Amino acid sequence: MSGHHTIAETEKAVQAKLGAVPLHREQMAAVSNIHRAATAIRQHLENSVLRTSDLTWTGFVVLWVVWIWGEMETRYVAEEAGISKGTLTGVAKTLQSRGLLERLGHPTDGRLAVLRLTPEGEELMGDLFPKFNEEEVFVSDPLESSEAQSLAEMLRRMVTHLEANGEQRRLDLRGDTPLPPRRSGRRAKHG
């Protein structure tokens, strides 16, 4: 269970609340179940294989990005990891303090920084990822191999659709309304 309520309880509550509202229910269920599955899987991985290495999900994802792509500018690490640059700063400091990641000056632009794994970080990821993958197998155990492949292909189609069309859709929805500035989660102090 990824939240306080089971998926069946949640579906029943949504039906009771939105039963008369004209909605695209199949699409709502698909996207809702993607969110619930992602949360449940993340919690399982954090509380099993990542906990044994004292890593958060975000810390693991940052290590993964740098492990796969190699030395990379911090802004691109944040983008690939799906986190803000501010969040990356804190995560990178934690990983640096553990000797897993190095922050270096950019070779041609002193305003920028790059991240790379230390030998200890490389060793950790080399040891950890096969264990992580075993938990991916556990999580997907209810699916036949062909179902897992089909699911992966369907989700990939959704991602590539958003990559190709999402920005224009957001612009169309926004119209002429300017976006408010991104916030760190803190409210401005009044006084």
N, C-alpha and C. Protein backbone atom coordinates (compact mmCIF):
# COMPACT_ATOMS: atom_id res chain seq x y z
N MET A 1 0.85 -1.17 0.00
CA MET A 1 0.00 0.00 0.00
C MET A 1 0.89 1.23 0.00
N SER A 2 0.70 2.12 -0.97
CA SER A 2 1.57 3.28 -1.10
C SER A 2 1.07 4.48 -0.34
N GLY A 3 -0.15 4.46 0.13
CA GLY A 3 -0.71 5.55 0.91
C GLY A 3 -1.50 4.99 2.06
N HIS A 4 -2.30 5.82 2.67
CA HIS A 4 -3.11 5.40 3.80
C HIS A 4 -4.22 4.45 3.35
N HIS A 5 -4.69 4.61 2.11
CA HIS A 5 -5.77 3.79 1.59
C HIS A 5 -5.26 2.85 0.50
N THR A 6 -5.92 1.71 0.36
CA THR A 6 -5.57 0.78 -0.72
C THR A 6 -6.05 1.36 -2.04
N ILE A 7 -5.57 0.78 -3.13
CA ILE A 7 -5.99 1.23 -4.44
C ILE A 7 -7.50 1.01 -4.63
N ALA A 8 -8.03 -0.10 -4.12
CA ALA A 8 -9.46 -0.37 -4.25
C ALA A 8 -10.28 0.66 -3.48
N GLU A 9 -9.84 1.02 -2.27
CA GLU A 9 -10.54 2.04 -1.49
C GLU A 9 -10.51 3.39 -2.21
N THR A 10 -9.37 3.71 -2.78
CA THR A 10 -9.24 4.99 -3.49
C THR A 10 -10.15 5.03 -4.70
N GLU A 11 -10.16 3.96 -5.49
CA GLU A 11 -11.03 3.92 -6.67
C GLU A 11 -12.50 4.06 -6.28
N LYS A 12 -12.89 3.43 -5.20
CA LYS A 12 -14.28 3.53 -4.72
C LYS A 12 -14.60 4.96 -4.28
N ALA A 13 -13.69 5.61 -3.57
CA ALA A 13 -13.90 6.98 -3.11
C ALA A 13 -13.97 7.95 -4.29
N VAL A 14 -13.12 7.75 -5.29
CA VAL A 14 -13.14 8.61 -6.49
C VAL A 14 -14.47 8.44 -7.21
N GLN A 15 -14.93 7.21 -7.35
CA GLN A 15 -16.22 6.97 -8.02
C GLN A 15 -17.36 7.64 -7.26
N ALA A 16 -17.33 7.57 -5.94
CA ALA A 16 -18.39 8.20 -5.13
C ALA A 16 -18.35 9.72 -5.28
N LYS A 17 -17.15 10.29 -5.34
CA LYS A 17 -17.01 11.75 -5.42
C LYS A 17 -17.28 12.28 -6.83
N LEU A 18 -16.85 11.55 -7.84
CA LEU A 18 -16.90 12.06 -9.22
C LEU A 18 -17.84 11.28 -10.13
N GLY A 19 -18.68 10.44 -9.57
CA GLY A 19 -19.54 9.57 -10.37
C GLY A 19 -20.36 10.29 -11.42
N ALA A 20 -20.88 11.45 -11.11
CA ALA A 20 -21.75 12.17 -12.05
C ALA A 20 -20.99 13.14 -12.95
N VAL A 21 -19.72 13.35 -12.70
CA VAL A 21 -18.93 14.30 -13.49
C VAL A 21 -18.52 13.63 -14.80
N PRO A 22 -18.78 14.29 -15.95
CA PRO A 22 -18.37 13.68 -17.23
C PRO A 22 -16.86 13.75 -17.41
N LEU A 23 -16.21 12.61 -17.29
CA LEU A 23 -14.75 12.52 -17.38
C LEU A 23 -14.35 11.38 -18.30
N HIS A 24 -13.13 11.40 -18.74
CA HIS A 24 -12.54 10.29 -19.48
C HIS A 24 -11.96 9.32 -18.45
N ARG A 25 -12.78 8.41 -17.98
CA ARG A 25 -12.43 7.56 -16.83
C ARG A 25 -11.27 6.61 -17.10
N GLU A 26 -11.19 6.06 -18.31
CA GLU A 26 -10.11 5.13 -18.61
C GLU A 26 -8.75 5.84 -18.53
N GLN A 27 -8.69 7.05 -19.10
CA GLN A 27 -7.45 7.81 -19.07
C GLN A 27 -7.13 8.26 -17.64
N MET A 28 -8.17 8.67 -16.90
CA MET A 28 -7.96 9.06 -15.51
C MET A 28 -7.41 7.88 -14.71
N ALA A 29 -7.97 6.70 -14.91
CA ALA A 29 -7.49 5.51 -14.19
C ALA A 29 -6.06 5.18 -14.59
N ALA A 30 -5.75 5.30 -15.88
CA ALA A 30 -4.39 4.98 -16.34
C ALA A 30 -3.37 5.91 -15.68
N VAL A 31 -3.61 7.22 -15.74
CA VAL A 31 -2.65 8.17 -15.18
C VAL A 31 -2.59 8.05 -13.66
N SER A 32 -3.74 7.89 -13.02
CA SER A 32 -3.77 7.72 -11.57
C SER A 32 -2.99 6.47 -11.15
N ASN A 33 -3.15 5.39 -11.88
CA ASN A 33 -2.44 4.16 -11.53
C ASN A 33 -0.94 4.27 -11.82
N ILE A 34 -0.55 5.08 -12.81
CA ILE A 34 0.87 5.33 -13.03
C ILE A 34 1.44 6.02 -11.80
N HIS A 35 0.73 7.05 -11.30
CA HIS A 35 1.20 7.76 -10.10
C HIS A 35 1.28 6.82 -8.90
N ARG A 36 0.22 6.05 -8.67
CA ARG A 36 0.20 5.15 -7.52
C ARG A 36 1.30 4.09 -7.63
N ALA A 37 1.45 3.54 -8.82
CA ALA A 37 2.48 2.51 -9.01
C ALA A 37 3.87 3.11 -8.79
N ALA A 38 4.11 4.30 -9.33
CA ALA A 38 5.42 4.94 -9.16
C ALA A 38 5.71 5.19 -7.69
N THR A 39 4.70 5.64 -6.95
CA THR A 39 4.89 5.90 -5.52
C THR A 39 5.15 4.60 -4.77
N ALA A 40 4.37 3.58 -5.04
CA ALA A 40 4.54 2.29 -4.35
C ALA A 40 5.90 1.68 -4.66
N ILE A 41 6.32 1.75 -5.93
CA ILE A 41 7.60 1.18 -6.33
C ILE A 41 8.75 1.97 -5.69
N ARG A 42 8.65 3.28 -5.72
CA ARG A 42 9.69 4.12 -5.11
C ARG A 42 9.82 3.81 -3.62
N GLN A 43 8.69 3.73 -2.92
CA GLN A 43 8.74 3.43 -1.49
C GLN A 43 9.35 2.07 -1.23
N HIS A 44 8.99 1.07 -2.06
CA HIS A 44 9.56 -0.26 -1.88
C HIS A 44 11.07 -0.22 -2.07
N LEU A 45 11.53 0.43 -3.14
CA LEU A 45 12.96 0.47 -3.42
C LEU A 45 13.73 1.25 -2.36
N GLU A 46 13.15 2.37 -1.89
CA GLU A 46 13.82 3.14 -0.84
C GLU A 46 13.92 2.34 0.46
N ASN A 47 12.88 1.57 0.77
CA ASN A 47 12.84 0.84 2.04
C ASN A 47 13.49 -0.53 1.97
N SER A 48 14.01 -0.90 0.82
CA SER A 48 14.68 -2.19 0.69
C SER A 48 16.12 -1.96 0.24
N VAL A 49 16.37 -2.06 -1.03
CA VAL A 49 17.73 -2.04 -1.55
C VAL A 49 18.45 -0.70 -1.34
N LEU A 50 17.75 0.41 -1.44
CA LEU A 50 18.43 1.69 -1.24
C LEU A 50 18.74 1.96 0.22
N ARG A 51 17.88 1.49 1.10
CA ARG A 51 18.12 1.69 2.53
C ARG A 51 19.39 0.98 2.98
N THR A 52 19.66 -0.19 2.41
CA THR A 52 20.87 -0.92 2.81
C THR A 52 22.14 -0.17 2.41
N SER A 53 22.01 0.74 1.42
CA SER A 53 23.14 1.57 1.01
C SER A 53 23.03 2.99 1.55
N ASP A 54 22.04 3.23 2.41
CA ASP A 54 21.82 4.55 3.01
C ASP A 54 21.63 5.63 1.95
N LEU A 55 20.81 5.30 0.93
CA LEU A 55 20.51 6.25 -0.14
C LEU A 55 19.02 6.55 -0.17
N THR A 56 18.70 7.80 -0.46
CA THR A 56 17.33 8.17 -0.78
C THR A 56 17.10 7.88 -2.26
N TRP A 57 15.84 7.93 -2.65
CA TRP A 57 15.52 7.77 -4.07
C TRP A 57 16.25 8.83 -4.89
N THR A 58 16.16 10.08 -4.45
CA THR A 58 16.77 11.18 -5.21
C THR A 58 18.28 11.04 -5.27
N GLY A 59 18.90 10.64 -4.17
CA GLY A 59 20.33 10.41 -4.18
C GLY A 59 20.72 9.32 -5.17
N PHE A 60 19.95 8.25 -5.19
CA PHE A 60 20.21 7.16 -6.13
C PHE A 60 20.07 7.65 -7.57
N VAL A 61 19.01 8.41 -7.85
CA VAL A 61 18.79 8.88 -9.22
C VAL A 61 19.93 9.79 -9.67
N VAL A 62 20.41 10.66 -8.80
CA VAL A 62 21.54 11.52 -9.15
C VAL A 62 22.77 10.66 -9.45
N LEU A 63 23.06 9.70 -8.60
CA LEU A 63 24.19 8.81 -8.85
C LEU A 63 24.00 8.06 -10.17
N TRP A 64 22.80 7.59 -10.43
CA TRP A 64 22.49 6.85 -11.67
C TRP A 64 22.76 7.72 -12.90
N VAL A 65 22.26 8.95 -12.88
CA VAL A 65 22.45 9.86 -14.02
C VAL A 65 23.93 10.06 -14.30
N VAL A 66 24.70 10.35 -13.26
CA VAL A 66 26.13 10.61 -13.46
C VAL A 66 26.87 9.31 -13.80
N TRP A 67 26.42 8.20 -13.27
CA TRP A 67 27.03 6.90 -13.58
C TRP A 67 26.83 6.56 -15.05
N ILE A 68 25.61 6.76 -15.56
CA ILE A 68 25.30 6.42 -16.95
C ILE A 68 25.92 7.41 -17.92
N TRP A 69 25.79 8.70 -17.66
CA TRP A 69 26.21 9.72 -18.63
C TRP A 69 27.63 10.21 -18.40
N GLY A 70 28.22 9.94 -17.25
CA GLY A 70 29.56 10.43 -16.97
C GLY A 70 29.51 11.87 -16.48
N GLU A 71 30.68 12.48 -16.43
CA GLU A 71 30.80 13.85 -15.94
C GLU A 71 29.80 14.74 -16.67
N MET A 72 29.06 15.55 -15.88
CA MET A 72 27.98 16.33 -16.47
C MET A 72 27.76 17.61 -15.69
N GLU A 73 27.38 18.68 -16.41
CA GLU A 73 27.04 19.94 -15.77
C GLU A 73 25.87 19.74 -14.82
N THR A 74 25.91 20.46 -13.71
CA THR A 74 24.88 20.29 -12.68
C THR A 74 23.48 20.56 -13.21
N ARG A 75 23.32 21.56 -14.07
CA ARG A 75 21.98 21.87 -14.58
C ARG A 75 21.40 20.70 -15.36
N TYR A 76 22.27 19.97 -16.08
CA TYR A 76 21.79 18.81 -16.84
C TYR A 76 21.53 17.62 -15.93
N VAL A 77 22.32 17.48 -14.89
CA VAL A 77 22.05 16.41 -13.92
C VAL A 77 20.67 16.63 -13.29
N ALA A 78 20.40 17.87 -12.88
CA ALA A 78 19.10 18.19 -12.28
C ALA A 78 17.97 17.89 -13.26
N GLU A 79 18.14 18.30 -14.50
CA GLU A 79 17.11 18.07 -15.51
C GLU A 79 16.88 16.58 -15.73
N GLU A 80 17.95 15.82 -15.89
CA GLU A 80 17.82 14.37 -16.11
C GLU A 80 17.21 13.67 -14.91
N ALA A 81 17.53 14.15 -13.71
CA ALA A 81 17.00 13.53 -12.48
C ALA A 81 15.58 13.99 -12.18
N GLY A 82 15.11 15.02 -12.88
CA GLY A 82 13.76 15.52 -12.64
C GLY A 82 13.63 16.29 -11.33
N ILE A 83 14.68 17.00 -10.95
CA ILE A 83 14.68 17.76 -9.70
C ILE A 83 15.14 19.19 -9.98
N SER A 84 14.89 20.07 -9.03
CA SER A 84 15.34 21.46 -9.18
C SER A 84 16.85 21.54 -8.93
N LYS A 85 17.44 22.62 -9.41
CA LYS A 85 18.87 22.83 -9.17
C LYS A 85 19.14 22.98 -7.67
N GLY A 86 18.20 23.61 -6.95
CA GLY A 86 18.36 23.76 -5.50
C GLY A 86 18.35 22.42 -4.79
N THR A 87 17.45 21.53 -5.20
CA THR A 87 17.42 20.19 -4.61
C THR A 87 18.71 19.45 -4.93
N LEU A 88 19.19 19.59 -6.16
CA LEU A 88 20.44 18.93 -6.54
C LEU A 88 21.59 19.40 -5.66
N THR A 89 21.62 20.68 -5.35
CA THR A 89 22.71 21.21 -4.52
C THR A 89 22.78 20.45 -3.20
N GLY A 90 21.65 20.29 -2.53
CA GLY A 90 21.63 19.58 -1.25
C GLY A 90 21.98 18.12 -1.39
N VAL A 91 21.42 17.46 -2.40
CA VAL A 91 21.70 16.04 -2.63
C VAL A 91 23.18 15.85 -2.96
N ALA A 92 23.71 16.70 -3.83
CA ALA A 92 25.12 16.58 -4.21
C ALA A 92 26.04 16.78 -3.01
N LYS A 93 25.71 17.73 -2.14
CA LYS A 93 26.53 17.94 -0.94
C LYS A 93 26.55 16.69 -0.07
N THR A 94 25.38 16.07 0.09
CA THR A 94 25.31 14.84 0.88
C THR A 94 26.14 13.74 0.25
N LEU A 95 26.02 13.57 -1.06
CA LEU A 95 26.77 12.52 -1.75
C LEU A 95 28.27 12.83 -1.74
N GLN A 96 28.64 14.10 -1.82
CA GLN A 96 30.05 14.50 -1.71
C GLN A 96 30.59 14.16 -0.33
N SER A 97 29.81 14.46 0.71
CA SER A 97 30.27 14.20 2.08
C SER A 97 30.48 12.71 2.33
N ARG A 98 29.82 11.88 1.56
CA ARG A 98 29.98 10.43 1.68
C ARG A 98 31.08 9.91 0.76
N GLY A 99 31.70 10.81 0.00
CA GLY A 99 32.80 10.41 -0.88
C GLY A 99 32.35 9.71 -2.14
N LEU A 100 31.09 9.92 -2.57
CA LEU A 100 30.55 9.23 -3.74
C LEU A 100 30.54 10.09 -4.99
N LEU A 101 30.60 11.39 -4.82
CA LEU A 101 30.44 12.33 -5.92
C LEU A 101 31.42 13.48 -5.74
N GLU A 102 31.93 14.01 -6.85
CA GLU A 102 32.80 15.18 -6.83
C GLU A 102 32.12 16.31 -7.60
N ARG A 103 32.28 17.52 -7.09
CA ARG A 103 31.83 18.73 -7.78
C ARG A 103 33.07 19.46 -8.23
N LEU A 104 33.16 19.72 -9.53
CA LEU A 104 34.34 20.34 -10.12
C LEU A 104 33.93 21.59 -10.88
N GLY A 105 34.87 22.49 -11.02
CA GLY A 105 34.64 23.66 -11.86
C GLY A 105 34.52 23.26 -13.32
N HIS A 106 33.70 23.98 -14.05
CA HIS A 106 33.55 23.73 -15.48
C HIS A 106 34.86 24.08 -16.18
N PRO A 107 35.30 23.30 -17.16
CA PRO A 107 36.60 23.55 -17.78
C PRO A 107 36.68 24.86 -18.57
N THR A 108 35.54 25.39 -19.06
CA THR A 108 35.61 26.61 -19.88
C THR A 108 34.76 27.75 -19.35
N ASP A 109 33.90 27.48 -18.36
CA ASP A 109 33.02 28.54 -17.84
C ASP A 109 33.02 28.46 -16.32
N GLY A 110 33.71 29.38 -15.69
CA GLY A 110 33.87 29.37 -14.24
C GLY A 110 32.57 29.53 -13.47
N ARG A 111 31.50 29.95 -14.13
CA ARG A 111 30.21 30.09 -13.44
C ARG A 111 29.50 28.75 -13.28
N LEU A 112 29.93 27.76 -14.02
CA LEU A 112 29.26 26.46 -14.03
C LEU A 112 30.07 25.43 -13.25
N ALA A 113 29.37 24.36 -12.88
CA ALA A 113 30.02 23.24 -12.19
C ALA A 113 29.61 21.94 -12.86
N VAL A 114 30.46 20.94 -12.71
CA VAL A 114 30.16 19.61 -13.22
C VAL A 114 30.25 18.61 -12.06
N LEU A 115 29.55 17.52 -12.22
CA LEU A 115 29.57 16.45 -11.23
C LEU A 115 30.14 15.20 -11.88
N ARG A 116 30.88 14.43 -11.09
CA ARG A 116 31.34 13.12 -11.53
C ARG A 116 31.42 12.20 -10.33
N LEU A 117 31.27 10.91 -10.59
CA LEU A 117 31.40 9.94 -9.51
C LEU A 117 32.86 9.78 -9.13
N THR A 118 33.07 9.55 -7.85
CA THR A 118 34.39 9.17 -7.36
C THR A 118 34.56 7.68 -7.63
N PRO A 119 35.76 7.15 -7.47
CA PRO A 119 35.91 5.69 -7.58
C PRO A 119 34.98 4.95 -6.61
N GLU A 120 34.77 5.50 -5.41
CA GLU A 120 33.84 4.89 -4.45
C GLU A 120 32.41 4.91 -4.97
N GLY A 121 32.03 6.01 -5.63
CA GLY A 121 30.70 6.10 -6.23
C GLY A 121 30.51 5.11 -7.35
N GLU A 122 31.55 4.97 -8.19
CA GLU A 122 31.51 3.98 -9.27
C GLU A 122 31.36 2.57 -8.70
N GLU A 123 32.13 2.29 -7.65
CA GLU A 123 32.06 0.96 -7.03
C GLU A 123 30.68 0.70 -6.41
N LEU A 124 30.14 1.71 -5.72
CA LEU A 124 28.82 1.55 -5.13
C LEU A 124 27.78 1.24 -6.20
N MET A 125 27.77 2.02 -7.27
CA MET A 125 26.75 1.79 -8.31
C MET A 125 26.94 0.44 -8.98
N GLY A 126 28.19 0.04 -9.20
CA GLY A 126 28.45 -1.27 -9.79
C GLY A 126 27.95 -2.41 -8.92
N ASP A 127 28.09 -2.25 -7.60
CA ASP A 127 27.60 -3.27 -6.66
C ASP A 127 26.10 -3.18 -6.45
N LEU A 128 25.58 -1.94 -6.39
CA LEU A 128 24.18 -1.71 -6.04
C LEU A 128 23.21 -2.02 -7.18
N PHE A 129 23.58 -1.65 -8.41
CA PHE A 129 22.58 -1.75 -9.46
C PHE A 129 22.08 -3.17 -9.72
N PRO A 130 22.89 -4.21 -9.70
CA PRO A 130 22.32 -5.55 -9.85
C PRO A 130 21.29 -5.88 -8.76
N LYS A 131 21.51 -5.42 -7.54
CA LYS A 131 20.55 -5.63 -6.45
C LYS A 131 19.28 -4.82 -6.70
N PHE A 132 19.44 -3.60 -7.19
CA PHE A 132 18.31 -2.75 -7.55
C PHE A 132 17.47 -3.44 -8.62
N ASN A 133 18.16 -3.99 -9.62
CA ASN A 133 17.46 -4.67 -10.70
C ASN A 133 16.71 -5.90 -10.20
N GLU A 134 17.26 -6.60 -9.21
CA GLU A 134 16.53 -7.73 -8.63
C GLU A 134 15.20 -7.27 -8.02
N GLU A 135 15.19 -6.08 -7.43
CA GLU A 135 13.94 -5.55 -6.88
C GLU A 135 13.00 -5.10 -8.00
N GLU A 136 13.55 -4.64 -9.14
CA GLU A 136 12.70 -4.35 -10.29
C GLU A 136 12.02 -5.64 -10.76
N VAL A 137 12.74 -6.74 -10.71
CA VAL A 137 12.16 -8.05 -11.06
C VAL A 137 11.06 -8.40 -10.07
N PHE A 138 11.33 -8.21 -8.77
CA PHE A 138 10.33 -8.51 -7.74
C PHE A 138 9.06 -7.68 -7.95
N VAL A 139 9.23 -6.38 -8.19
CA VAL A 139 8.09 -5.48 -8.36
C VAL A 139 7.24 -5.90 -9.56
N SER A 140 7.89 -6.30 -10.64
CA SER A 140 7.16 -6.65 -11.85
C SER A 140 6.80 -8.13 -11.93
N ASP A 141 7.00 -8.87 -10.84
CA ASP A 141 6.74 -10.30 -10.82
C ASP A 141 5.31 -10.70 -11.24
N PRO A 142 4.27 -9.90 -10.94
CA PRO A 142 2.93 -10.31 -11.39
C PRO A 142 2.76 -10.30 -12.91
N LEU A 143 3.69 -9.70 -13.63
CA LEU A 143 3.58 -9.60 -15.09
C LEU A 143 4.40 -10.68 -15.78
N GLU A 144 3.86 -11.22 -16.85
CA GLU A 144 4.65 -12.08 -17.73
C GLU A 144 5.69 -11.18 -18.41
N SER A 145 6.76 -11.77 -18.91
CA SER A 145 7.80 -10.99 -19.58
C SER A 145 7.22 -10.18 -20.73
N SER A 146 6.31 -10.78 -21.50
CA SER A 146 5.72 -10.06 -22.63
C SER A 146 4.85 -8.90 -22.14
N GLU A 147 4.18 -9.06 -20.99
CA GLU A 147 3.38 -7.97 -20.44
C GLU A 147 4.28 -6.84 -19.95
N ALA A 148 5.39 -7.20 -19.31
CA ALA A 148 6.33 -6.18 -18.85
C ALA A 148 6.87 -5.39 -20.04
N GLN A 149 7.20 -6.08 -21.13
CA GLN A 149 7.69 -5.41 -22.33
C GLN A 149 6.61 -4.52 -22.93
N SER A 150 5.37 -4.99 -22.99
CA SER A 150 4.27 -4.18 -23.51
C SER A 150 4.04 -2.94 -22.65
N LEU A 151 4.06 -3.13 -21.33
CA LEU A 151 3.90 -1.99 -20.42
C LEU A 151 5.01 -0.97 -20.65
N ALA A 152 6.24 -1.44 -20.74
CA ALA A 152 7.37 -0.54 -20.98
C ALA A 152 7.19 0.22 -22.29
N GLU A 153 6.73 -0.44 -23.33
CA GLU A 153 6.54 0.21 -24.62
C GLU A 153 5.39 1.22 -24.56
N MET A 154 4.32 0.90 -23.85
CA MET A 154 3.20 1.85 -23.73
C MET A 154 3.63 3.09 -22.95
N LEU A 155 4.34 2.90 -21.86
CA LEU A 155 4.81 4.04 -21.08
C LEU A 155 5.80 4.87 -21.88
N ARG A 156 6.64 4.21 -22.66
CA ARG A 156 7.59 4.92 -23.52
C ARG A 156 6.84 5.78 -24.53
N ARG A 157 5.76 5.27 -25.09
CA ARG A 157 4.95 6.06 -26.04
C ARG A 157 4.40 7.30 -25.36
N MET A 158 3.96 7.18 -24.11
CA MET A 158 3.45 8.34 -23.39
C MET A 158 4.56 9.37 -23.18
N VAL A 159 5.75 8.90 -22.80
CA VAL A 159 6.87 9.81 -22.57
C VAL A 159 7.26 10.50 -23.86
N THR A 160 7.40 9.76 -24.97
CA THR A 160 7.81 10.39 -26.23
C THR A 160 6.72 11.34 -26.74
N HIS A 161 5.45 11.04 -26.47
CA HIS A 161 4.35 11.96 -26.82
C HIS A 161 4.52 13.28 -26.07
N LEU A 162 4.81 13.19 -24.77
CA LEU A 162 5.01 14.41 -23.99
C LEU A 162 6.27 15.16 -24.42
N GLU A 163 7.33 14.43 -24.73
CA GLU A 163 8.55 15.08 -25.21
C GLU A 163 8.30 15.85 -26.51
N ALA A 164 7.47 15.26 -27.39
CA ALA A 164 7.22 15.88 -28.69
C ALA A 164 6.14 16.96 -28.63
N ASN A 165 5.14 16.80 -27.77
CA ASN A 165 3.96 17.67 -27.82
C ASN A 165 3.64 18.41 -26.54
N GLY A 166 4.29 18.06 -25.45
CA GLY A 166 3.93 18.62 -24.15
C GLY A 166 4.14 20.11 -24.05
N GLU A 167 5.27 20.61 -24.54
CA GLU A 167 5.54 22.04 -24.44
C GLU A 167 4.49 22.86 -25.18
N GLN A 168 4.13 22.44 -26.38
CA GLN A 168 3.11 23.18 -27.13
C GLN A 168 1.76 23.10 -26.43
N ARG A 169 1.42 21.96 -25.88
CA ARG A 169 0.15 21.81 -25.15
C ARG A 169 0.12 22.77 -23.96
N ARG A 170 1.22 22.85 -23.22
CA ARG A 170 1.27 23.75 -22.08
C ARG A 170 1.13 25.21 -22.51
N LEU A 171 1.77 25.56 -23.63
CA LEU A 171 1.64 26.91 -24.16
C LEU A 171 0.19 27.20 -24.57
N ASP A 172 -0.44 26.23 -25.23
CA ASP A 172 -1.83 26.40 -25.65
C ASP A 172 -2.76 26.56 -24.45
N LEU A 173 -2.55 25.78 -23.42
CA LEU A 173 -3.40 25.87 -22.23
C LEU A 173 -3.21 27.18 -21.49
N ARG A 174 -1.99 27.66 -21.47
CA ARG A 174 -1.67 28.89 -20.77
C ARG A 174 -2.15 30.11 -21.52
N GLY A 175 -2.16 30.06 -22.84
CA GLY A 175 -2.55 31.21 -23.63
C GLY A 175 -1.59 32.36 -23.38
N ASP A 176 -2.15 33.55 -23.13
CA ASP A 176 -1.34 34.74 -22.90
C ASP A 176 -1.01 34.95 -21.43
N THR A 177 -1.41 34.03 -20.58
CA THR A 177 -1.17 34.19 -19.15
C THR A 177 0.28 33.86 -18.82
N PRO A 178 1.02 34.80 -18.27
CA PRO A 178 2.43 34.49 -17.93
C PRO A 178 2.49 33.53 -16.74
N LEU A 179 3.53 32.75 -16.74
CA LEU A 179 3.73 31.81 -15.63
C LEU A 179 4.22 32.57 -14.40
N PRO A 180 3.71 32.21 -13.23
CA PRO A 180 4.30 32.78 -12.02
C PRO A 180 5.70 32.20 -11.84
N PRO A 181 6.57 32.88 -11.11
CA PRO A 181 7.92 32.32 -10.89
C PRO A 181 7.83 31.03 -10.09
N ARG A 182 8.78 30.14 -10.35
CA ARG A 182 8.84 28.90 -9.56
C ARG A 182 9.19 29.25 -8.14
N ARG A 183 8.60 28.52 -7.22
CA ARG A 183 8.86 28.75 -5.81
C ARG A 183 9.57 27.53 -5.23
N SER A 184 10.28 27.75 -4.19
CA SER A 184 10.99 26.66 -3.53
C SER A 184 10.07 25.89 -2.59
N GLY A 185 8.82 26.34 -2.47
CA GLY A 185 7.89 25.72 -1.53
C GLY A 185 7.63 26.63 -0.35
N ARG A 186 8.48 27.62 -0.18
CA ARG A 186 8.30 28.56 0.93
C ARG A 186 7.48 29.73 0.43
N ARG A 187 6.65 30.22 1.28
CA ARG A 187 5.83 31.39 0.97
C ARG A 187 6.61 32.67 1.33
N ALA A 188 6.35 33.71 0.58
CA ALA A 188 6.98 34.99 0.87
C ALA A 188 6.50 35.49 2.22
N LYS A 189 7.40 36.08 2.97
CA LYS A 189 7.04 36.63 4.27
C LYS A 189 6.38 37.98 4.08
N HIS A 190 5.28 38.19 4.78
CA HIS A 190 4.59 39.47 4.72
C HIS A 190 4.82 40.18 6.03
N GLY A 191 5.05 41.45 5.96
CA GLY A 191 5.18 42.06 7.24
C GLY A 191 5.79 43.33 7.29
